[in-house]
Every structure is written in C-alpha cells, then in structure tokens.
N, C-alpha and C. Protein backbone atom coordinates (compact mmCIF):
# COMPACT_ATOMS: atom_id res chain seq x y z
N MET A 1 -62.25 -4.27 21.03
CA MET A 1 -61.47 -5.25 21.44
C MET A 1 -62.47 -6.71 21.45
N ARG A 2 -61.64 -7.90 21.10
CA ARG A 2 -62.51 -8.98 20.70
C ARG A 2 -61.90 -9.68 21.51
N LYS A 3 -62.81 -10.66 21.72
CA LYS A 3 -63.20 -11.49 23.00
C LYS A 3 -62.19 -12.74 22.81
N LYS A 4 -61.66 -12.93 24.24
CA LYS A 4 -60.77 -14.41 23.93
C LYS A 4 -61.38 -15.46 23.50
N GLY A 5 -60.65 -16.38 22.24
CA GLY A 5 -61.01 -17.31 21.93
C GLY A 5 -61.52 -16.58 20.35
N LEU A 6 -62.00 -15.97 19.74
CA LEU A 6 -62.68 -15.54 18.63
C LEU A 6 -61.52 -15.34 17.32
N PRO A 7 -61.40 -16.07 16.59
CA PRO A 7 -60.57 -15.74 15.52
C PRO A 7 -60.31 -14.33 15.02
N LYS A 8 -59.07 -13.78 14.67
CA LYS A 8 -58.32 -12.64 14.61
C LYS A 8 -58.79 -12.07 12.91
N THR A 9 -59.47 -10.73 13.13
CA THR A 9 -59.97 -10.88 11.59
C THR A 9 -59.29 -9.26 11.31
N GLY A 10 -58.84 -8.86 10.02
CA GLY A 10 -58.50 -7.63 9.80
C GLY A 10 -56.92 -7.92 10.10
N GLY A 11 -56.29 -6.84 9.86
CA GLY A 11 -54.77 -6.60 9.81
C GLY A 11 -53.84 -7.34 8.43
N ARG A 12 -52.96 -7.68 8.54
CA ARG A 12 -52.15 -7.99 7.54
C ARG A 12 -52.25 -9.68 7.37
N VAL A 13 -52.29 -9.52 6.07
CA VAL A 13 -52.37 -11.58 6.23
C VAL A 13 -50.74 -12.09 6.46
N ALA A 14 -50.53 -13.23 7.34
CA ALA A 14 -49.50 -13.75 7.45
C ALA A 14 -48.57 -14.00 6.27
N GLY A 15 -47.50 -13.63 6.38
CA GLY A 15 -46.30 -13.70 4.92
C GLY A 15 -46.14 -12.23 4.48
N THR A 16 -47.39 -11.66 3.92
CA THR A 16 -47.14 -9.82 3.46
C THR A 16 -46.05 -9.31 4.16
N PRO A 17 -45.36 -8.88 3.21
CA PRO A 17 -43.93 -7.89 3.79
C PRO A 17 -44.55 -7.26 4.04
N ASN A 18 -43.78 -6.18 5.00
CA ASN A 18 -43.82 -4.88 5.54
C ASN A 18 -44.06 -3.84 4.50
N LYS A 19 -44.98 -2.76 3.95
CA LYS A 19 -44.40 -1.88 3.36
C LYS A 19 -43.37 -1.02 3.49
N ILE A 20 -43.31 -0.37 4.52
CA ILE A 20 -42.58 0.41 4.90
C ILE A 20 -40.64 0.15 4.51
N SER A 21 -40.57 -1.14 4.96
CA SER A 21 -39.68 -1.89 4.94
C SER A 21 -38.98 -1.93 3.58
N GLY A 22 -39.97 -2.66 2.64
CA GLY A 22 -39.44 -2.78 1.36
C GLY A 22 -39.34 -1.57 0.49
N THR A 23 -40.48 -0.47 0.79
CA THR A 23 -39.96 1.02 0.06
C THR A 23 -39.02 1.68 0.38
N MET A 24 -38.63 1.48 1.73
CA MET A 24 -37.38 1.99 1.95
C MET A 24 -35.99 1.73 1.33
N LYS A 25 -36.02 0.03 1.65
CA LYS A 25 -35.39 -0.98 0.57
C LYS A 25 -35.10 -0.19 -0.80
N GLU A 26 -36.14 -0.26 -1.75
CA GLU A 26 -36.40 0.04 -3.04
C GLU A 26 -35.98 1.31 -3.34
N PHE A 27 -36.59 2.44 -2.09
CA PHE A 27 -35.91 3.95 -2.15
C PHE A 27 -34.50 3.88 -2.27
N ILE A 28 -33.52 3.16 -1.65
CA ILE A 28 -32.07 3.23 -1.34
C ILE A 28 -31.51 2.88 -2.67
N ILE A 29 -32.09 1.39 -2.86
CA ILE A 29 -31.08 0.86 -4.02
C ILE A 29 -32.00 1.78 -5.16
N ASN A 30 -32.80 2.65 -5.58
CA ASN A 30 -33.10 3.42 -6.73
C ASN A 30 -32.06 4.46 -6.56
N ILE A 31 -32.05 4.92 -5.77
CA ILE A 31 -30.92 6.16 -5.21
C ILE A 31 -29.48 5.69 -5.41
N LEU A 32 -29.08 4.73 -5.13
CA LEU A 32 -27.80 3.99 -5.37
C LEU A 32 -27.48 3.68 -6.70
N GLU A 33 -28.59 2.84 -7.54
CA GLU A 33 -28.42 2.59 -8.79
C GLU A 33 -28.62 4.03 -9.61
N GLY A 34 -28.90 4.69 -9.26
CA GLY A 34 -29.72 5.77 -10.28
C GLY A 34 -28.14 6.90 -9.97
N ASN A 35 -27.19 6.99 -8.92
CA ASN A 35 -26.03 7.64 -9.23
C ASN A 35 -25.06 7.14 -8.44
N LYS A 36 -24.43 5.82 -8.89
CA LYS A 36 -23.73 5.08 -8.13
C LYS A 36 -22.03 6.06 -8.92
N LYS A 37 -21.76 6.40 -9.66
CA LYS A 37 -20.95 7.22 -10.09
C LYS A 37 -20.44 8.23 -8.60
N GLN A 38 -21.63 9.08 -8.64
CA GLN A 38 -21.40 10.14 -8.26
C GLN A 38 -21.37 9.93 -6.30
N PHE A 39 -22.27 8.82 -6.17
CA PHE A 39 -22.08 8.25 -4.93
C PHE A 39 -20.85 7.73 -4.06
N GLU A 40 -20.40 6.83 -5.51
CA GLU A 40 -18.85 6.03 -5.08
C GLU A 40 -18.11 7.36 -5.05
N ASP A 41 -17.91 8.49 -5.67
CA ASP A 41 -16.66 9.25 -6.02
C ASP A 41 -17.32 10.20 -4.49
N ASN A 42 -18.23 10.64 -3.93
CA ASN A 42 -18.37 11.33 -2.59
C ASN A 42 -18.24 10.52 -1.80
N MET A 43 -18.39 8.97 -1.87
CA MET A 43 -18.25 8.54 -0.71
C MET A 43 -16.46 8.20 -0.55
N LYS A 44 -15.82 8.07 -1.44
CA LYS A 44 -13.83 8.21 -1.96
C LYS A 44 -13.29 9.16 -1.40
N ASN A 45 -14.00 10.43 -1.24
CA ASN A 45 -14.03 11.82 -0.30
C ASN A 45 -14.21 11.95 0.89
N LEU A 46 -15.11 11.28 1.45
CA LEU A 46 -15.29 11.25 2.81
C LEU A 46 -14.37 10.57 3.46
N PRO A 47 -14.06 11.61 5.02
CA PRO A 47 -13.31 11.10 5.96
C PRO A 47 -13.54 9.24 6.39
N PRO A 48 -12.35 8.55 7.07
CA PRO A 48 -13.29 7.32 7.16
C PRO A 48 -13.43 7.25 8.61
N LYS A 49 -14.11 8.03 9.09
CA LYS A 49 -15.23 7.76 10.35
C LYS A 49 -16.16 8.30 9.42
N ASP A 50 -16.68 9.56 8.58
CA ASP A 50 -17.92 9.58 7.84
C ASP A 50 -18.10 8.52 7.31
N PHE A 51 -17.66 7.80 6.71
CA PHE A 51 -17.48 6.77 5.27
C PHE A 51 -18.79 5.71 6.22
N VAL A 52 -17.69 5.14 6.96
CA VAL A 52 -18.03 4.01 8.11
C VAL A 52 -19.48 4.49 8.50
N CYS A 53 -20.21 5.73 8.93
CA CYS A 53 -21.21 6.05 9.38
C CYS A 53 -22.66 6.06 8.20
N VAL A 54 -21.73 6.46 7.22
CA VAL A 54 -22.84 6.63 6.19
C VAL A 54 -23.07 5.01 5.61
N TYR A 55 -21.80 4.36 5.69
CA TYR A 55 -22.38 2.65 4.78
C TYR A 55 -22.91 1.74 6.10
N GLU A 56 -22.79 2.19 7.57
CA GLU A 56 -23.52 1.78 8.54
C GLU A 56 -24.83 2.05 8.66
N LYS A 57 -25.21 3.38 8.02
CA LYS A 57 -26.80 3.85 7.84
C LYS A 57 -27.09 3.34 7.03
N LEU A 58 -26.68 2.82 5.31
CA LEU A 58 -27.37 2.16 4.73
C LEU A 58 -27.65 0.70 5.18
N LEU A 59 -26.14 0.32 5.57
CA LEU A 59 -26.25 -1.42 5.33
C LEU A 59 -27.62 -1.69 6.25
N GLN A 60 -28.04 -1.03 7.24
CA GLN A 60 -29.40 -1.57 7.99
C GLN A 60 -30.63 -1.45 7.68
N TYR A 61 -30.74 -1.38 6.44
CA TYR A 61 -31.71 -1.43 5.39
C TYR A 61 -31.52 -2.26 4.68
N ILE A 62 -30.63 -2.93 4.20
CA ILE A 62 -30.55 -4.37 3.52
C ILE A 62 -30.05 -5.39 4.47
N VAL A 63 -29.69 -5.16 5.36
CA VAL A 63 -29.10 -6.44 6.40
C VAL A 63 -29.71 -6.50 7.72
N PRO A 64 -30.50 -7.47 7.89
CA PRO A 64 -31.35 -7.28 9.02
C PRO A 64 -30.06 -7.16 10.36
N LYS A 65 -30.63 -6.51 11.33
CA LYS A 65 -29.67 -6.55 12.36
C LYS A 65 -29.60 -7.98 13.05
N GLN A 66 -29.28 -8.77 13.91
CA GLN A 66 -28.82 -9.83 14.30
C GLN A 66 -28.93 -9.85 15.98
N GLN A 67 -30.15 -10.70 16.59
CA GLN A 67 -30.12 -10.54 17.86
C GLN A 67 -29.07 -11.34 18.69
N ASN A 68 -29.20 -11.17 20.15
CA ASN A 68 -27.85 -11.68 21.30
C ASN A 68 -28.90 -12.80 21.61
N LEU A 69 -28.76 -13.72 21.61
CA LEU A 69 -29.75 -14.81 22.13
C LEU A 69 -28.28 -15.42 23.43
N ILE A 70 -29.29 -15.80 23.88
CA ILE A 70 -28.36 -16.41 25.55
C ILE A 70 -29.38 -17.97 25.49
N THR A 71 -28.36 -18.56 25.88
CA THR A 71 -29.40 -20.18 25.87
C THR A 71 -28.41 -20.88 26.94
N GLU A 72 -29.89 -21.37 27.87
CA GLU A 72 -28.67 -22.02 28.90
C GLU A 72 -29.50 -23.39 29.27
N ALA A 73 -28.63 -24.19 29.32
CA ALA A 73 -28.93 -25.71 29.04
C ALA A 73 -28.20 -26.48 30.17
N ASP A 74 -29.07 -27.32 30.86
CA ASP A 74 -28.37 -28.52 31.55
C ASP A 74 -28.15 -29.65 30.76
N LEU A 75 -27.05 -30.19 30.36
CA LEU A 75 -26.69 -31.39 29.58
C LEU A 75 -25.97 -32.37 29.91
N PRO A 76 -25.54 -32.69 31.20
CA PRO A 76 -24.98 -33.47 31.80
C PRO A 76 -25.35 -35.06 31.61
N HIS A 77 -26.81 -35.72 30.72
CA HIS A 77 -26.83 -36.49 30.37
C HIS A 77 -27.21 -36.82 28.86
N VAL A 78 -26.54 -35.64 28.04
CA VAL A 78 -27.14 -35.90 26.71
C VAL A 78 -25.75 -36.47 26.03
N LEU A 79 -24.52 -36.68 26.52
CA LEU A 79 -23.54 -37.16 25.89
C LEU A 79 -23.11 -38.55 26.61
N THR A 80 -23.07 -39.64 26.42
CA THR A 80 -22.73 -40.87 26.64
C THR A 80 -21.14 -41.79 25.91
N ILE A 81 -20.53 -41.54 26.83
CA ILE A 81 -19.19 -42.21 26.37
C ILE A 81 -18.95 -43.58 26.52
N LYS A 82 -18.93 -44.82 25.28
CA LYS A 82 -18.90 -46.12 25.95
C LYS A 82 -17.61 -46.43 25.01
N HIS A 83 -17.00 -46.74 26.21
CA HIS A 83 -15.61 -47.52 25.87
C HIS A 83 -15.49 -48.78 25.47
N VAL A 84 -14.78 -49.17 23.97
CA VAL A 84 -14.85 -50.14 23.54
C VAL A 84 -13.95 -50.73 22.85
N GLY A 85 -13.19 -51.82 23.42
CA GLY A 85 -12.25 -52.09 22.92
C GLY A 85 -12.08 -52.81 21.46
N VAL A 86 -11.40 -53.38 21.05
CA VAL A 86 -10.77 -53.70 19.96
C VAL A 86 -11.78 -54.86 19.20
N ASP A 87 -12.32 -55.90 20.32
CA ASP A 87 -13.41 -56.81 20.06
C ASP A 87 -14.36 -56.22 19.96
N GLY A 88 -14.82 -55.14 19.97
CA GLY A 88 -16.56 -54.76 20.24
C GLY A 88 -16.64 -55.03 21.48
N LYS A 89 -16.45 -55.37 22.48
CA LYS A 89 -16.89 -55.21 23.31
C LYS A 89 -16.59 -54.00 24.24
N GLU A 90 -17.59 -53.53 25.38
CA GLU A 90 -17.60 -52.62 25.98
C GLU A 90 -17.06 -52.83 27.16
N ILE A 91 -15.55 -51.85 27.68
CA ILE A 91 -15.10 -51.74 28.90
C ILE A 91 -15.14 -50.67 29.60
N HIS A 92 -15.24 -51.60 30.75
CA HIS A 92 -15.77 -50.44 31.99
C HIS A 92 -14.26 -49.40 31.81
N PRO A 93 -15.10 -47.98 32.45
CA PRO A 93 -14.31 -47.03 32.17
C PRO A 93 -12.92 -47.02 33.43
N ASP A 94 -12.73 -47.59 34.32
CA ASP A 94 -12.77 -47.78 35.42
C ASP A 94 -11.00 -48.61 35.46
N SER A 95 -11.43 -49.29 34.34
CA SER A 95 -10.43 -50.39 34.07
C SER A 95 -9.76 -50.38 32.81
N ILE A 96 -9.82 -48.83 32.55
CA ILE A 96 -8.67 -48.31 31.32
C ILE A 96 -7.76 -47.85 31.83
N ASP A 97 -6.73 -47.66 31.51
CA ASP A 97 -5.02 -47.42 31.86
C ASP A 97 -4.53 -45.86 30.96
N CYS A 98 -5.61 -45.13 31.29
CA CYS A 98 -5.39 -43.53 31.04
C CYS A 98 -6.56 -42.96 31.39
N ASP A 99 -6.30 -41.21 31.25
CA ASP A 99 -7.03 -40.45 31.90
C ASP A 99 -8.20 -39.60 31.19
N PHE A 100 -9.16 -40.19 31.19
CA PHE A 100 -10.67 -39.83 30.48
C PHE A 100 -11.49 -38.58 30.92
N PRO A 101 -11.30 -36.98 30.33
CA PRO A 101 -11.76 -35.66 31.04
C PRO A 101 -13.23 -36.44 31.69
N GLN A 102 -13.20 -35.40 32.80
CA GLN A 102 -14.01 -35.89 33.99
C GLN A 102 -15.30 -34.74 33.78
N SER A 103 -14.82 -33.26 33.32
CA SER A 103 -15.45 -32.20 33.10
C SER A 103 -15.48 -31.69 31.70
N GLU A 104 -16.12 -31.01 31.17
CA GLU A 104 -16.02 -30.14 29.97
C GLU A 104 -14.59 -29.30 30.06
N ASP A 105 -14.23 -28.61 31.18
CA ASP A 105 -13.26 -27.86 30.89
C ASP A 105 -11.80 -28.65 30.90
N GLU A 106 -11.74 -30.00 31.19
CA GLU A 106 -10.56 -30.95 30.71
C GLU A 106 -10.78 -30.99 29.25
N VAL A 107 -11.63 -31.01 28.53
CA VAL A 107 -11.28 -31.22 27.07
C VAL A 107 -10.83 -30.23 25.92
N ASP A 108 -10.16 -30.47 25.45
CA ASP A 108 -9.37 -29.68 24.57
C ASP A 108 -10.00 -29.72 23.03
N LEU A 109 -10.52 -28.65 23.09
CA LEU A 109 -11.59 -28.90 21.30
C LEU A 109 -10.74 -27.81 20.39
N SER A 110 -9.46 -27.51 20.76
CA SER A 110 -8.66 -26.70 19.56
C SER A 110 -8.26 -27.85 18.30
N ARG A 111 -8.09 -29.14 19.01
CA ARG A 111 -7.68 -29.96 17.80
C ARG A 111 -8.85 -30.58 17.14
N ALA A 112 -10.16 -29.94 17.10
CA ALA A 112 -11.14 -31.00 16.63
C ALA A 112 -11.33 -30.25 15.36
C-alpha cells in the first residue's frame, strides 16, 4: 500500500480503453457482421418477448447505461425580473396593473 501523498505508479494510463469492454464489443460486432442474414432470420422467428430480451442484452454492450441523477438546488436568487416600460425606465412591480407569478407553481411553461 502506498503512503498518502506519493504519486500513483503502475496500472492503466488515464484515457486507455478497458480491454474487456472493447473486446466484447468487437466480438459481438464480428458475430453480427459474419452472420447477419442468419441472425436477422432467427430474430424474426423469435416470439416478441424473446426478441426484446436478446435485443436488450446485445444493446448493453454497445450503448452505455444511463445513470439516474438527482440534483437539488436552492435557486431563489438566480432569476431577477426587471419590469421595464416602453421608455426603457424600470417600473416597480407594485405599480403594474396585472398579476405576475409569485412562485414557480404559477408559471405555465407549456407555451414556452
């Protein structure tokens, strides 16, 4: 075990692709390319449930799985609204003759 603060030695260099992932992708691609017609015929003859199962299992080697992300943010001061008249002068919101949203729940984004 190396002591804290010492530089890392050995192992894979940053940016070097994982050999197993690359090998599996190449293997599956070769199987599919070499047996396209037979594979397509076999896939067409599978029941829908089995077709989806095979398709999904192969897809995981080509397309990376997406991660669920949960982001929490407190954004009360991110957006500042200035009310400006036609003359370019700022208007105090209390002097405007219409209702402005007081919270994000009051904003209709379906027209955006």
